[in-house]
């Protein structure tokens, strides 16, 4: 069984491309920063940066609704591969192929966190990740979503 479940924030806007041919398929690539639960000894990194690839409708959704800082939850599968670079060296890749993706916080909370620190990938890391503060919650642990926002949701 090959099943991955992740929740994190996009480190940058998705890159969208379309395949060649009669029926062009959308392909979205993005990276999400997933907070680690525990820190290892002397490890300054508190998040993992996971490369994700979405195809078809999932890619079109990413193109339209996802952007840097958006918190999402996704399910998918791990896929490994390899290629030979220009220097003749073999490079190994690992990506998560997205099967489902959805928002992990309300639009209002996302807008409030828009100015919050978004972690950079390891080569660009500047400081530790700051966890976002939760929005107002109902006593059952779920976020309170106001009435009348149906037209803003990308699904019905």
N, C-alpha and C. Protein backbone atom coordinates (compact mmCIF):
# COMPACT_ATOMS: atom_id res chain seq x y z
N UNK A 1 0.85 -1.18 0.00
CA UNK A 1 0.00 0.00 0.00
C UNK A 1 0.89 1.24 0.00
N UNK A 2 0.54 2.22 -0.81
CA UNK A 2 1.30 3.45 -0.94
C UNK A 2 0.32 4.61 -0.75
N UNK A 3 0.22 5.14 0.48
CA UNK A 3 -0.74 6.18 0.81
C UNK A 3 -0.06 7.23 1.68
N UNK A 4 -0.21 8.49 1.31
CA UNK A 4 0.41 9.60 2.03
C UNK A 4 -0.68 10.59 2.41
N UNK A 5 -0.64 11.08 3.64
CA UNK A 5 -1.54 12.13 4.09
C UNK A 5 -0.67 13.24 4.66
N UNK A 6 -0.82 14.45 4.13
CA UNK A 6 0.01 15.58 4.56
C UNK A 6 -0.85 16.81 4.82
N UNK A 7 -0.38 17.67 5.72
CA UNK A 7 -0.98 18.99 5.92
C UNK A 7 0.16 19.99 6.08
N UNK A 8 0.10 21.06 5.31
CA UNK A 8 1.13 22.08 5.39
C UNK A 8 0.77 23.28 4.55
N UNK A 9 1.71 24.21 4.45
CA UNK A 9 1.51 25.45 3.70
C UNK A 9 2.37 25.46 2.45
N UNK A 10 1.82 25.99 1.36
CA UNK A 10 2.58 26.12 0.12
C UNK A 10 3.72 27.11 0.33
N UNK A 11 4.91 26.76 -0.14
CA UNK A 11 6.07 27.64 0.02
C UNK A 11 6.13 28.69 -1.09
N UNK A 12 5.41 28.46 -2.18
CA UNK A 12 5.31 29.41 -3.29
C UNK A 12 4.09 29.04 -4.13
N UNK A 13 3.73 29.89 -5.06
CA UNK A 13 2.59 29.60 -5.93
C UNK A 13 2.89 28.35 -6.77
N UNK A 14 1.86 27.56 -7.08
CA UNK A 14 2.07 26.36 -7.90
C UNK A 14 2.57 26.74 -9.31
N UNK A 15 3.42 25.89 -9.87
CA UNK A 15 3.86 26.03 -11.27
C UNK A 15 2.94 25.16 -12.10
N UNK A 16 2.31 25.75 -13.10
CA UNK A 16 1.34 25.03 -13.92
C UNK A 16 1.87 24.89 -15.34
N UNK A 17 1.77 23.69 -15.88
CA UNK A 17 2.11 23.42 -17.27
C UNK A 17 1.01 22.58 -17.87
N UNK A 18 1.00 22.50 -19.18
CA UNK A 18 0.01 21.68 -19.87
C UNK A 18 0.73 20.70 -20.78
N UNK A 19 0.26 19.46 -20.81
CA UNK A 19 0.87 18.45 -21.66
C UNK A 19 0.58 18.75 -23.12
N UNK A 20 1.36 18.16 -24.01
CA UNK A 20 1.17 18.34 -25.45
C UNK A 20 0.12 17.36 -25.95
N UNK A 21 -0.45 17.64 -27.11
CA UNK A 21 -1.38 16.71 -27.73
C UNK A 21 -2.78 17.28 -27.84
N UNK A 22 -3.68 16.44 -28.35
CA UNK A 22 -5.07 16.86 -28.56
C UNK A 22 -5.76 17.21 -27.26
N UNK A 23 -5.59 16.36 -26.26
CA UNK A 23 -6.22 16.60 -24.96
C UNK A 23 -5.15 17.03 -23.96
N UNK A 24 -4.85 18.32 -23.94
CA UNK A 24 -3.84 18.83 -23.03
C UNK A 24 -4.30 18.64 -21.58
N UNK A 25 -3.42 18.10 -20.76
CA UNK A 25 -3.70 17.87 -19.35
C UNK A 25 -2.90 18.85 -18.51
N UNK A 26 -3.57 19.48 -17.53
CA UNK A 26 -2.89 20.40 -16.62
C UNK A 26 -2.02 19.60 -15.66
N UNK A 27 -0.83 20.14 -15.38
CA UNK A 27 0.11 19.53 -14.43
C UNK A 27 0.58 20.64 -13.50
N UNK A 28 0.33 20.48 -12.21
CA UNK A 28 0.73 21.48 -11.21
C UNK A 28 1.81 20.90 -10.32
N UNK A 29 2.85 21.68 -10.10
CA UNK A 29 3.92 21.30 -9.17
C UNK A 29 3.99 22.35 -8.08
N UNK A 30 4.05 21.89 -6.84
CA UNK A 30 4.22 22.82 -5.72
C UNK A 30 4.90 22.09 -4.56
N UNK A 31 5.40 22.87 -3.64
CA UNK A 31 6.07 22.34 -2.45
C UNK A 31 5.30 22.80 -1.23
N UNK A 32 5.08 21.88 -0.29
CA UNK A 32 4.45 22.29 0.96
C UNK A 32 5.43 22.07 2.11
N UNK A 33 5.37 22.99 3.07
CA UNK A 33 6.17 22.90 4.29
C UNK A 33 5.30 22.21 5.34
N UNK A 34 5.76 21.06 5.81
CA UNK A 34 5.03 20.28 6.81
C UNK A 34 5.81 20.35 8.11
N UNK A 35 5.19 20.92 9.14
CA UNK A 35 5.86 21.05 10.43
C UNK A 35 6.19 19.69 11.01
N UNK A 36 7.37 19.60 11.61
CA UNK A 36 7.76 18.38 12.32
C UNK A 36 7.19 18.44 13.74
N UNK A 37 6.82 17.30 14.27
CA UNK A 37 6.30 17.26 15.64
C UNK A 37 7.42 17.44 16.65
N UNK A 38 8.57 16.87 16.35
CA UNK A 38 9.68 16.90 17.30
C UNK A 38 10.93 17.38 16.58
N UNK A 39 11.80 18.06 17.32
CA UNK A 39 13.08 18.48 16.75
C UNK A 39 14.13 17.44 17.10
N UNK A 40 15.02 17.19 16.14
CA UNK A 40 16.15 16.30 16.40
C UNK A 40 17.28 17.11 17.03
N UNK A 41 18.22 16.41 17.63
CA UNK A 41 19.36 17.08 18.26
C UNK A 41 20.10 17.98 17.29
N UNK A 42 20.30 19.23 17.66
CA UNK A 42 21.06 20.22 16.88
C UNK A 42 20.52 20.41 15.47
N UNK A 43 19.26 20.08 15.22
CA UNK A 43 18.68 20.27 13.89
C UNK A 43 17.83 21.53 13.93
N UNK A 44 18.28 22.56 13.23
CA UNK A 44 17.56 23.82 13.20
C UNK A 44 16.31 23.78 12.36
N UNK A 45 16.20 22.78 11.50
CA UNK A 45 15.04 22.69 10.61
C UNK A 45 13.85 22.12 11.37
N UNK A 46 12.70 22.83 11.34
CA UNK A 46 11.52 22.35 12.05
C UNK A 46 10.39 21.99 11.09
N UNK A 47 10.69 21.95 9.79
CA UNK A 47 9.68 21.56 8.79
C UNK A 47 10.36 20.74 7.70
N UNK A 48 9.56 19.89 7.07
CA UNK A 48 10.02 19.15 5.90
C UNK A 48 9.36 19.77 4.68
N UNK A 49 10.07 19.78 3.57
CA UNK A 49 9.58 20.40 2.35
C UNK A 49 9.32 19.29 1.33
N UNK A 50 8.04 19.08 1.05
CA UNK A 50 7.60 17.94 0.26
C UNK A 50 7.15 18.42 -1.12
N UNK A 51 7.76 17.86 -2.16
CA UNK A 51 7.37 18.18 -3.53
C UNK A 51 6.12 17.41 -3.91
N UNK A 52 5.15 18.12 -4.49
CA UNK A 52 3.86 17.52 -4.86
C UNK A 52 3.56 17.79 -6.33
N UNK A 53 2.90 16.83 -6.98
CA UNK A 53 2.50 16.97 -8.38
C UNK A 53 1.03 16.57 -8.48
N UNK A 54 0.24 17.46 -9.10
CA UNK A 54 -1.18 17.18 -9.32
C UNK A 54 -1.47 17.20 -10.81
N UNK A 55 -2.39 16.35 -11.25
CA UNK A 55 -2.74 16.25 -12.66
C UNK A 55 -4.23 16.54 -12.86
N UNK A 56 -4.58 16.96 -14.08
CA UNK A 56 -5.98 17.12 -14.46
C UNK A 56 -6.74 18.12 -13.62
N UNK A 57 -7.90 17.70 -13.12
CA UNK A 57 -8.76 18.59 -12.34
C UNK A 57 -8.09 19.06 -11.06
N UNK A 58 -7.30 18.18 -10.45
CA UNK A 58 -6.59 18.58 -9.23
C UNK A 58 -5.60 19.70 -9.55
N UNK A 59 -4.95 19.63 -10.68
CA UNK A 59 -4.00 20.67 -11.09
C UNK A 59 -4.74 21.97 -11.41
N UNK A 60 -5.89 21.87 -12.05
CA UNK A 60 -6.68 23.07 -12.35
C UNK A 60 -7.16 23.74 -11.07
N UNK A 61 -7.53 22.93 -10.07
CA UNK A 61 -7.92 23.46 -8.76
C UNK A 61 -6.75 24.22 -8.14
N UNK A 62 -5.55 23.60 -8.19
CA UNK A 62 -4.36 24.24 -7.63
C UNK A 62 -4.07 25.56 -8.32
N UNK A 63 -4.19 25.57 -9.64
CA UNK A 63 -3.93 26.79 -10.41
C UNK A 63 -4.88 27.92 -10.01
N UNK A 64 -6.13 27.58 -9.79
CA UNK A 64 -7.15 28.59 -9.54
C UNK A 64 -7.18 29.06 -8.09
N UNK A 65 -6.99 28.15 -7.13
CA UNK A 65 -7.25 28.48 -5.73
C UNK A 65 -6.05 28.47 -4.79
N UNK A 66 -4.96 27.79 -5.14
CA UNK A 66 -3.84 27.69 -4.21
C UNK A 66 -2.79 28.74 -4.51
N UNK A 67 -2.18 29.26 -3.47
CA UNK A 67 -1.11 30.24 -3.62
C UNK A 67 -0.19 30.14 -2.41
N UNK A 68 0.91 30.83 -2.47
CA UNK A 68 1.91 30.80 -1.39
C UNK A 68 1.23 31.09 -0.06
N UNK A 69 1.49 30.24 0.93
CA UNK A 69 0.95 30.43 2.27
C UNK A 69 -0.35 29.70 2.54
N UNK A 70 -1.03 29.21 1.50
CA UNK A 70 -2.28 28.50 1.70
C UNK A 70 -2.02 27.20 2.45
N UNK A 71 -2.81 26.96 3.49
CA UNK A 71 -2.69 25.72 4.25
C UNK A 71 -3.64 24.70 3.65
N UNK A 72 -3.08 23.55 3.25
CA UNK A 72 -3.88 22.50 2.63
C UNK A 72 -3.63 21.16 3.31
N UNK A 73 -4.59 20.27 3.13
CA UNK A 73 -4.44 18.87 3.50
C UNK A 73 -4.58 18.08 2.21
N UNK A 74 -3.74 17.08 2.04
CA UNK A 74 -3.82 16.30 0.81
C UNK A 74 -3.56 14.84 1.09
N UNK A 75 -4.07 14.02 0.18
CA UNK A 75 -3.74 12.60 0.18
C UNK A 75 -3.18 12.27 -1.19
N UNK A 76 -2.32 11.28 -1.21
CA UNK A 76 -1.70 10.90 -2.47
C UNK A 76 -0.83 9.68 -2.28
N UNK A 77 0.13 9.54 -3.19
CA UNK A 77 1.04 8.40 -3.14
C UNK A 77 2.44 8.89 -3.46
N UNK A 78 3.42 8.21 -2.94
CA UNK A 78 4.82 8.55 -3.21
C UNK A 78 5.24 7.90 -4.51
N UNK A 79 5.93 8.66 -5.33
CA UNK A 79 6.46 8.12 -6.58
C UNK A 79 7.93 8.53 -6.69
N UNK A 80 8.77 7.56 -6.96
CA UNK A 80 10.19 7.83 -7.13
C UNK A 80 10.55 7.74 -8.61
N UNK A 81 11.63 8.39 -8.97
CA UNK A 81 12.09 8.34 -10.35
C UNK A 81 13.54 8.76 -10.42
N UNK A 82 14.06 8.81 -11.62
CA UNK A 82 15.44 9.26 -11.80
C UNK A 82 15.61 9.78 -13.22
N UNK A 83 16.64 10.61 -13.38
CA UNK A 83 17.00 11.13 -14.70
C UNK A 83 18.49 11.45 -14.67
N UNK A 84 19.06 11.61 -15.84
CA UNK A 84 20.47 11.97 -15.95
C UNK A 84 20.55 13.45 -16.27
N UNK A 85 21.26 14.22 -15.44
CA UNK A 85 21.35 15.66 -15.66
C UNK A 85 22.37 15.98 -16.75
N UNK A 86 22.56 17.26 -17.02
CA UNK A 86 23.46 17.70 -18.10
C UNK A 86 24.91 17.31 -17.87
N UNK A 87 25.28 17.11 -16.60
CA UNK A 87 26.65 16.71 -16.27
C UNK A 87 26.84 15.20 -16.34
N UNK A 88 25.79 14.48 -16.73
CA UNK A 88 25.89 13.03 -16.84
C UNK A 88 25.69 12.30 -15.53
N UNK A 89 25.28 13.02 -14.47
CA UNK A 89 25.06 12.39 -13.17
C UNK A 89 23.60 11.96 -13.04
N UNK A 90 23.39 10.81 -12.43
CA UNK A 90 22.04 10.32 -12.22
C UNK A 90 21.45 11.03 -11.00
N UNK A 91 20.25 11.59 -11.15
CA UNK A 91 19.56 12.30 -10.08
C UNK A 91 18.30 11.52 -9.74
N UNK A 92 18.10 11.26 -8.45
CA UNK A 92 16.93 10.53 -7.98
C UNK A 92 15.89 11.52 -7.46
N UNK A 93 14.62 11.27 -7.75
CA UNK A 93 13.55 12.16 -7.34
C UNK A 93 12.51 11.40 -6.50
N UNK A 94 11.85 12.12 -5.62
CA UNK A 94 10.73 11.60 -4.84
C UNK A 94 9.67 12.68 -4.80
N UNK A 95 8.47 12.37 -5.25
CA UNK A 95 7.36 13.32 -5.25
C UNK A 95 6.13 12.64 -4.69
N UNK A 96 5.20 13.46 -4.21
CA UNK A 96 3.88 12.97 -3.83
C UNK A 96 2.94 13.28 -4.99
N UNK A 97 2.32 12.25 -5.53
CA UNK A 97 1.32 12.42 -6.58
C UNK A 97 -0.02 12.66 -5.88
N UNK A 98 -0.57 13.85 -6.08
CA UNK A 98 -1.77 14.27 -5.36
C UNK A 98 -3.00 13.57 -5.92
N UNK A 99 -3.76 12.95 -5.03
CA UNK A 99 -5.03 12.34 -5.42
C UNK A 99 -6.20 13.20 -4.96
N UNK A 100 -6.09 13.80 -3.78
CA UNK A 100 -7.11 14.70 -3.24
C UNK A 100 -6.40 15.82 -2.51
N UNK A 101 -6.98 17.03 -2.58
CA UNK A 101 -6.44 18.16 -1.84
C UNK A 101 -7.59 19.05 -1.44
N UNK A 102 -7.46 19.66 -0.27
CA UNK A 102 -8.51 20.56 0.21
C UNK A 102 -7.91 21.59 1.15
N UNK A 103 -8.66 22.67 1.34
CA UNK A 103 -8.21 23.72 2.24
C UNK A 103 -8.21 23.20 3.66
N UNK A 104 -7.22 23.61 4.46
CA UNK A 104 -7.13 23.17 5.84
C UNK A 104 -7.46 24.30 6.82
N UNK A 105 -7.86 25.45 6.29
CA UNK A 105 -8.33 26.53 7.15
C UNK A 105 -9.27 27.41 6.34
N UNK A 106 -10.04 28.22 7.04
CA UNK A 106 -11.02 29.07 6.36
C UNK A 106 -10.33 30.16 5.55
N UNK A 107 -11.06 30.76 4.63
CA UNK A 107 -10.52 31.85 3.83
C UNK A 107 -10.11 33.01 4.72
N UNK A 108 -10.92 33.30 5.74
CA UNK A 108 -10.63 34.40 6.67
C UNK A 108 -9.33 34.14 7.42
N UNK A 109 -9.15 32.92 7.92
CA UNK A 109 -7.92 32.58 8.64
C UNK A 109 -6.72 32.64 7.70
N UNK A 110 -6.91 32.20 6.46
CA UNK A 110 -5.84 32.24 5.47
C UNK A 110 -5.41 33.68 5.21
N UNK A 111 -6.38 34.58 5.09
CA UNK A 111 -6.07 35.99 4.86
C UNK A 111 -5.36 36.60 6.07
N UNK A 112 -5.77 36.19 7.29
CA UNK A 112 -5.12 36.69 8.50
C UNK A 112 -3.67 36.22 8.58
N UNK A 113 -3.41 35.01 8.09
CA UNK A 113 -2.06 34.45 8.14
C UNK A 113 -1.23 34.80 6.91
N UNK A 114 -1.81 35.60 5.99
CA UNK A 114 -1.09 35.94 4.76
C UNK A 114 0.23 36.64 5.05
N UNK A 115 0.27 37.44 6.08
CA UNK A 115 1.51 38.14 6.43
C UNK A 115 2.40 37.34 7.35
N UNK A 116 1.93 36.17 7.79
CA UNK A 116 2.71 35.34 8.71
C UNK A 116 3.92 34.76 8.00
N UNK A 117 4.88 34.33 8.77
CA UNK A 117 6.11 33.76 8.22
C UNK A 117 5.80 32.45 7.51
N UNK A 118 6.20 32.34 6.26
CA UNK A 118 6.09 31.10 5.50
C UNK A 118 7.50 30.54 5.39
N UNK A 119 7.73 29.32 5.86
CA UNK A 119 9.09 28.78 5.82
C UNK A 119 9.62 28.67 4.40
N UNK A 120 10.91 28.87 4.27
CA UNK A 120 11.58 28.71 2.98
C UNK A 120 12.21 27.34 2.94
N UNK A 121 12.42 26.85 1.75
CA UNK A 121 13.06 25.56 1.61
C UNK A 121 14.48 25.66 2.16
N UNK A 122 15.08 24.55 2.58
CA UNK A 122 16.34 24.56 3.32
C UNK A 122 17.43 25.50 2.80
N UNK A 123 17.62 25.59 1.50
CA UNK A 123 18.69 26.44 0.97
C UNK A 123 18.43 27.91 1.25
N UNK A 124 17.16 28.27 1.49
CA UNK A 124 16.80 29.66 1.68
C UNK A 124 16.31 29.94 3.10
N UNK A 125 16.37 28.98 4.01
CA UNK A 125 15.80 29.15 5.34
C UNK A 125 16.42 30.34 6.05
N UNK A 126 15.56 31.15 6.67
CA UNK A 126 16.03 32.34 7.35
C UNK A 126 15.86 32.24 8.86
N UNK A 127 14.76 31.66 9.31
CA UNK A 127 14.50 31.54 10.74
C UNK A 127 13.53 30.39 10.97
N UNK A 128 13.36 29.96 12.23
CA UNK A 128 12.47 28.84 12.50
C UNK A 128 11.02 29.15 12.12
N UNK A 129 10.25 28.09 11.89
CA UNK A 129 8.85 28.22 11.51
C UNK A 129 8.04 28.66 12.72
N UNK A 130 7.15 29.62 12.50
CA UNK A 130 6.25 30.04 13.55
C UNK A 130 4.90 29.42 13.27
N UNK A 131 4.34 28.73 14.24
CA UNK A 131 3.04 28.09 14.04
C UNK A 131 1.95 29.15 14.02
N UNK A 132 0.98 29.04 13.10
CA UNK A 132 -0.11 30.00 13.06
C UNK A 132 -1.02 29.84 14.26
N UNK A 133 -1.67 30.91 14.66
CA UNK A 133 -2.60 30.84 15.78
C UNK A 133 -3.96 30.42 15.26
N UNK A 134 -4.66 29.55 15.98
CA UNK A 134 -5.96 29.09 15.50
C UNK A 134 -7.00 30.20 15.56
N UNK A 135 -8.01 30.09 14.70
CA UNK A 135 -9.10 31.05 14.71
C UNK A 135 -10.11 30.63 15.76
N UNK A 136 -11.13 31.44 15.93
CA UNK A 136 -12.16 31.13 16.92
C UNK A 136 -12.76 29.76 16.62
N UNK A 137 -12.94 28.96 17.65
CA UNK A 137 -13.45 27.62 17.48
C UNK A 137 -14.75 27.45 18.25
N UNK A 138 -15.60 26.59 17.76
CA UNK A 138 -16.79 26.18 18.45
C UNK A 138 -16.35 25.14 19.47
N UNK A 139 -17.12 24.88 20.50
CA UNK A 139 -16.75 23.96 21.56
C UNK A 139 -16.43 22.55 21.10
N UNK A 140 -16.86 22.16 19.89
CA UNK A 140 -16.60 20.80 19.42
C UNK A 140 -15.27 20.65 18.73
N UNK A 141 -14.45 21.70 18.68
CA UNK A 141 -13.13 21.63 18.09
C UNK A 141 -13.07 22.00 16.62
N UNK A 142 -14.23 22.27 15.99
CA UNK A 142 -14.25 22.67 14.60
C UNK A 142 -14.30 24.18 14.48
N UNK A 143 -13.72 24.70 13.40
CA UNK A 143 -13.73 26.14 13.18
C UNK A 143 -15.14 26.59 12.83
N UNK A 144 -15.49 27.79 13.26
CA UNK A 144 -16.80 28.35 12.98
C UNK A 144 -16.75 29.02 11.62
N UNK A 145 -17.51 28.51 10.64
CA UNK A 145 -17.56 29.08 9.30
C UNK A 145 -18.85 29.86 9.18
N UNK A 146 -18.78 31.15 8.86
CA UNK A 146 -19.98 31.98 8.81
C UNK A 146 -20.92 31.58 7.68
N UNK A 147 -22.20 31.91 7.86
CA UNK A 147 -23.21 31.64 6.84
C UNK A 147 -23.04 32.60 5.68
N UNK A 148 -23.53 32.22 4.50
CA UNK A 148 -23.57 33.11 3.35
C UNK A 148 -22.30 33.18 2.53
N UNK A 149 -21.37 32.23 2.70
CA UNK A 149 -20.14 32.27 1.90
C UNK A 149 -20.14 31.19 0.83
N UNK A 150 -21.30 30.60 0.57
CA UNK A 150 -21.39 29.51 -0.41
C UNK A 150 -20.82 29.90 -1.77
N UNK A 151 -21.05 31.15 -2.20
CA UNK A 151 -20.57 31.55 -3.51
C UNK A 151 -19.05 31.66 -3.57
N UNK A 152 -18.37 31.72 -2.43
CA UNK A 152 -16.91 31.81 -2.41
C UNK A 152 -16.24 30.44 -2.44
N UNK A 153 -17.00 29.39 -2.17
CA UNK A 153 -16.41 28.07 -2.11
C UNK A 153 -16.28 27.48 -3.51
N UNK A 154 -15.17 26.76 -3.79
CA UNK A 154 -14.95 26.24 -5.14
C UNK A 154 -15.73 24.95 -5.42
N UNK A 155 -16.61 24.56 -4.51
CA UNK A 155 -17.37 23.33 -4.68
C UNK A 155 -18.73 23.52 -4.07
N UNK A 156 -19.70 22.70 -4.46
CA UNK A 156 -21.07 22.77 -3.90
C UNK A 156 -21.52 21.42 -3.46
